[in-house]
C-alpha atoms as a PDB file:
ATOM      1  CA  MET A   1       2.534 -10.388  18.279  1.00  0.00           C
ATOM      2  CA  GLU A   2       6.187 -10.814  19.202  1.00  0.00           C
ATOM      3  CA  GLU A   3       8.818  -8.237  18.294  1.00  0.00           C
ATOM      4  CA  SER A   4      10.607 -10.674  15.935  1.00  0.00           C
ATOM      5  CA  ASP A   5       7.333 -11.237  14.053  1.00  0.00           C
ATOM      6  CA  LYS A   6       6.808  -7.479  13.802  1.00  0.00           C
ATOM      7  CA  LYS A   7      10.341  -7.039  12.467  1.00  0.00           C
ATOM      8  CA  ASN A   8       9.821  -9.773   9.856  1.00  0.00           C
ATOM      9  CA  LEU A   9       6.502  -8.288   8.784  1.00  0.00           C
ATOM     10  CA  PHE A  10       8.086  -4.834   8.422  1.00  0.00           C
ATOM     11  CA  ILE A  11      11.014  -6.240   6.399  1.00  0.00           C
ATOM     12  CA  THR A  12       8.617  -8.166   4.161  1.00  0.00           C
ATOM     13  CA  PHE A  13       6.272  -5.290   3.435  1.00  0.00           C
ATOM     14  CA  SER A  14       8.953  -2.647   3.077  1.00  0.00           C
ATOM     15  CA  GLY A  15      10.720  -4.990   0.665  1.00  0.00           C
ATOM     16  CA  VAL A  16       7.530  -5.524  -1.341  1.00  0.00           C
ATOM     17  CA  ILE A  17       6.742  -1.796  -1.514  1.00  0.00           C
ATOM     18  CA  ASN A  18      10.329  -0.875  -2.425  1.00  0.00           C
ATOM     19  CA  ALA A  19      10.368  -3.592  -5.126  1.00  0.00           C
ATOM     20  CA  LEU A  20       7.082  -2.288  -6.552  1.00  0.00           C
ATOM     21  CA  ILE A  21       8.442   1.258  -6.730  1.00  0.00           C
ATOM     22  CA  GLU A  22      11.708   0.107  -8.318  1.00  0.00           C
ATOM     23  CA  ASP A  23       9.762  -1.970 -10.858  1.00  0.00           C
ATOM     24  CA  LYS A  24       7.674   1.096 -11.715  1.00  0.00           C
ATOM     25  CA  ARG A  25      10.844   3.170 -12.173  1.00  0.00           C
ATOM     26  CA  LYS A  26      12.004   0.809 -14.942  1.00  0.00           C
ATOM     27  CA  ASN A  27       9.108   1.982 -17.129  1.00  0.00           C
ATOM     28  CA  PRO A  28       9.578   5.590 -18.289  1.00  0.00           C
ATOM     29  CA  LYS A  29       5.779   5.983 -18.511  1.00  0.00           C
ATOM     30  CA  ASN A  30       5.657   5.872 -14.695  1.00  0.00           C
ATOM     31  CA  ALA A  31       8.255   8.597 -14.082  1.00  0.00           C
ATOM     32  CA  LYS A  32       5.716  11.415 -13.928  1.00  0.00           C
ATOM     33  CA  LEU A  33       3.458   9.476 -11.528  1.00  0.00           C
ATOM     34  CA  LEU A  34       6.293   8.496  -9.194  1.00  0.00           C
ATOM     35  CA  ASN A  35       7.862  11.959  -9.164  1.00  0.00           C
ATOM     36  CA  SER A  36       4.632  13.896  -8.787  1.00  0.00           C
ATOM     37  CA  PHE A  37       3.083  11.856  -5.963  1.00  0.00           C
ATOM     38  CA  GLU A  38       3.505  13.591  -2.624  1.00  0.00           C
ATOM     39  CA  GLY A  39       1.776  12.407   0.464  1.00  0.00           C
ATOM     40  CA  VAL A  40       1.731  10.419   3.657  1.00  0.00           C
ATOM     41  CA  VAL A  41      -0.050   7.089   3.683  1.00  0.00           C
ATOM     42  CA  ASN A  42      -0.582   5.010   6.818  1.00  0.00           C
ATOM     43  CA  LEU A  43      -0.833   1.282   6.119  1.00  0.00           C
ATOM     44  CA  GLY A  44      -2.552  -0.751   8.814  1.00  0.00           C
ATOM     45  CA  LEU A  45      -1.915  -4.458   8.392  1.00  0.00           C
ATOM     46  CA  GLN A  46      -4.617  -6.387  10.224  1.00  0.00           C
ATOM     47  CA  VAL A  47      -2.753  -9.413  11.550  1.00  0.00           C
ATOM     48  CA  GLU A  48      -5.250 -10.288  14.302  1.00  0.00           C
ATOM     49  CA  GLU A  49      -8.890  -9.435  14.766  1.00  0.00           C
ATOM     50  CA  ASP A  50      -8.121  -6.532  17.072  1.00  0.00           C
ATOM     51  CA  TYR A  51      -4.469  -5.745  16.209  1.00  0.00           C
ATOM     52  CA  TYR A  52      -3.072  -3.669  13.354  1.00  0.00           C
ATOM     53  CA  PHE A  53       0.628  -3.462  12.531  1.00  0.00           C
ATOM     54  CA  TRP A  54       1.218   0.096  11.309  1.00  0.00           C
ATOM     55  CA  LEU A  55       3.581   1.283   8.585  1.00  0.00           C
ATOM     56  CA  ASN A  56       3.757   4.656   6.922  1.00  0.00           C
ATOM     57  CA  LEU A  57       4.845   5.556   3.422  1.00  0.00           C
ATOM     58  CA  THR A  58       6.027   9.097   2.883  1.00  0.00           C
ATOM     59  CA  ALA A  59       6.605  10.365  -0.652  1.00  0.00           C
ATOM     60  CA  LYS A  60       8.090  13.683  -1.651  1.00  0.00           C
ATOM     61  CA  ASP A  61       9.987  14.775  -4.784  1.00  0.00           C
ATOM     62  CA  GLY A  62      10.205  11.204  -6.078  1.00  0.00           C
ATOM     63  CA  ASP A  63      11.699   9.851  -2.838  1.00  0.00           C
ATOM     64  CA  TYR A  64       9.776   7.169  -0.959  1.00  0.00           C
ATOM     65  CA  LYS A  65      10.418   6.291   2.656  1.00  0.00           C
ATOM     66  CA  ILE A  66       8.812   3.522   4.705  1.00  0.00           C
ATOM     67  CA  ASP A  67       8.802   3.518   8.493  1.00  0.00           C
ATOM     68  CA  ARG A  68       7.234   1.527  11.311  1.00  0.00           C
ATOM     69  CA  SER A  69       4.573   3.650  12.907  1.00  0.00           C
ATOM     70  CA  ARG A  70       1.228   5.302  12.434  1.00  0.00           C
ATOM     71  CA  LEU A  71       1.493   9.016  11.796  1.00  0.00           C
ATOM     72  CA  GLU A  72      -1.067  11.462  13.144  1.00  0.00           C
ATOM     73  CA  ASN A  73      -0.909  13.758  10.080  1.00  0.00           C
ATOM     74  CA  PHE A  74      -1.660  11.718   6.973  1.00  0.00           C
ATOM     75  CA  ASP A  75      -3.368  12.022   3.620  1.00  0.00           C
ATOM     76  CA  LEU A  76      -4.721   8.468   3.441  1.00  0.00           C
ATOM     77  CA  GLU A  77      -4.963   5.531   5.761  1.00  0.00           C
ATOM     78  CA  LEU A  78      -5.369   2.103   4.218  1.00  0.00           C
ATOM     79  CA  MET A  79      -6.196  -0.915   6.366  1.00  0.00           C
ATOM     80  CA  ALA A  80      -6.048  -4.467   5.055  1.00  0.00           C
ATOM     81  CA  ASP A  81      -5.082  -8.028   5.846  1.00  0.00           C
ATOM     82  CA  PRO A  82      -1.448  -8.530   4.706  1.00  0.00           C
ATOM     83  CA  GLY A  83      -2.378 -11.387   2.375  1.00  0.00           C
ATOM     84  CA  ASP A  84      -5.169  -9.400   0.759  1.00  0.00           C
ATOM     85  CA  LEU A  85      -2.823  -6.444   0.307  1.00  0.00           C
ATOM     86  CA  LEU A  86      -0.292  -8.671  -1.468  1.00  0.00           C
ATOM     87  CA  TYR A  87      -2.994 -10.020  -3.794  1.00  0.00           C
ATOM     88  CA  PHE A  88      -3.990  -6.416  -4.508  1.00  0.00           C
ATOM     89  CA  SER A  89      -0.386  -5.440  -5.235  1.00  0.00           C
ATOM     90  CA  ASN A  90       0.200  -8.289  -7.676  1.00  0.00           C
ATOM     91  CA  GLY A  91      -3.033  -7.490  -9.528  1.00  0.00           C
ATOM     92  CA  THR A  92      -5.009 -10.604  -8.503  1.00  0.00           C
ATOM     93  CA  ASN A  93      -7.572  -8.570  -6.555  1.00  0.00           C
ATOM     94  CA  SER A  94      -9.003  -5.436  -8.142  1.00  0.00           C
ATOM     95  CA  THR A  95      -9.734  -2.241  -6.244  1.00  0.00           C
ATOM     96  CA  VAL A  96     -13.479  -2.946  -6.488  1.00  0.00           C
ATOM     97  CA  HIS A  97     -12.940  -6.491  -5.140  1.00  0.00           C
ATOM     98  CA  MET A  98     -10.871  -5.103  -2.252  1.00  0.00           C
ATOM     99  CA  VAL A  99     -13.485  -2.497  -1.311  1.00  0.00           C
ATOM    100  CA  ILE A 100     -16.568  -4.748  -1.611  1.00  0.00           C
ATOM    101  CA  LYS A 101     -15.468  -8.189  -0.373  1.00  0.00           C
ATOM    102  CA  LYS A 102     -14.812  -9.124   3.264  1.00  0.00           C
ATOM    103  CA  ASN A 103     -11.564 -10.439   4.744  1.00  0.00           C
ATOM    104  CA  ARG A 104     -11.061 -13.343   7.133  1.00  0.00           C
ATOM    105  CA  PHE A 105     -11.936 -11.085  10.081  1.00  0.00           C
ATOM    106  CA  GLY A 106     -15.309 -10.094   8.593  1.00  0.00           C
ATOM    107  CA  LYS A 107     -14.271  -6.553   7.619  1.00  0.00           C
ATOM    108  CA  ARG A 108     -13.832  -5.116   4.150  1.00  0.00           C
ATOM    109  CA  LYS A 109     -10.587  -6.248   2.531  1.00  0.00           C
ATOM    110  CA  LEU A 110      -9.499  -2.644   2.026  1.00  0.00           C
ATOM    111  CA  ARG A 111     -10.696   0.112   4.288  1.00  0.00           C
ATOM    112  CA  ILE A 112      -9.850   3.702   3.416  1.00  0.00           C
ATOM    113  CA  LYS A 113      -9.776   6.710   5.681  1.00  0.00           C
ATOM    114  CA  LYS A 114      -9.189  10.167   4.303  1.00  0.00           C
ATOM    115  CA  GLY A 115      -6.983  12.332   6.483  1.00  0.00           C
ATOM    116  CA  GLY A 116      -5.931  15.109   4.188  1.00  0.00           C
ATOM    117  CA  ARG A 117      -7.323  17.349   1.500  1.00  0.00           C
ATOM    118  CA  ASN A 118      -7.137  15.167  -1.588  1.00  0.00           C
ATOM    119  CA  LEU A 119      -8.851  11.811  -2.023  1.00  0.00           C
ATOM    120  CA  GLY A 120      -7.375  11.758  -5.554  1.00  0.00           C
ATOM    121  CA  LYS A 121      -4.220  10.486  -3.869  1.00  0.00           C
ATOM    122  CA  LEU A 122      -6.000   7.158  -3.506  1.00  0.00           C
ATOM    123  CA  LEU A 123      -6.042   6.773  -7.276  1.00  0.00           C
ATOM    124  CA  LYS A 124      -2.334   7.572  -7.505  1.00  0.00           C
ATOM    125  CA  ILE A 125      -1.254   5.336  -4.630  1.00  0.00           C
ATOM    126  CA  SER A 126      -3.199   2.398  -6.085  1.00  0.00           C
ATOM    127  CA  LYS A 127      -1.298   2.858  -9.356  1.00  0.00           C
ATOM    128  CA  ILE A 128       1.989   2.901  -7.447  1.00  0.00           C
ATOM    129  CA  LEU A 129       1.228  -0.143  -5.267  1.00  0.00           C
ATOM    130  CA  VAL A 130      -0.064  -2.410  -8.044  1.00  0.00           C
ATOM    131  CA  LEU A 131       2.282  -4.124 -10.480  1.00  0.00           C
ATOM    132  CA  ASP A 132       1.971  -3.214 -14.147  1.00  0.00           C
ATOM    133  CA  LYS A 133       0.377  -5.803 -16.395  1.00  0.00           C
ATOM    134  CA  ILE A 134       2.840  -7.486 -18.711  1.00  0.00           C
ATOM    135  CA  PRO A 135       1.370  -7.892 -22.193  1.00  0.00           C
ATOM    136  CA  ALA A 136       1.197 -11.459 -23.450  1.00  0.00           C
ATOM    137  CA  ASP A 137       3.578 -12.346 -26.279  1.00  0.00           C
ATOM    138  CA  LYS A 138       1.984 -12.548 -29.680  1.00  0.00           C
END
């Protein structure tokens, strides 16, 4: 993967994650979740069968920071195909679908590795990374 492709992928995914967090901030119901989540999440984007593009999301005191790298000390590590991760974020694919079904490389769409003390962070990060459902007008 060329450096320009890596840069574009980072810009795309950091933009998506930042937009999701900003969208969550618009709803006061999400304030407690966003401010209370603290952790380090490695995101491995499987762009080729044997190559992962690594990002990390660090959250502390309501501040979220995204960088290009895989950190050694992490709470969770999520690995997924970029397209599958986008479908997960927009609510098209459920968590169960992501964990059970296989991606185009023959691996599970979402693979989870626990690195820290609390697997409950998975439940919180999935709420942060998935758009809220908009109720249909009556």
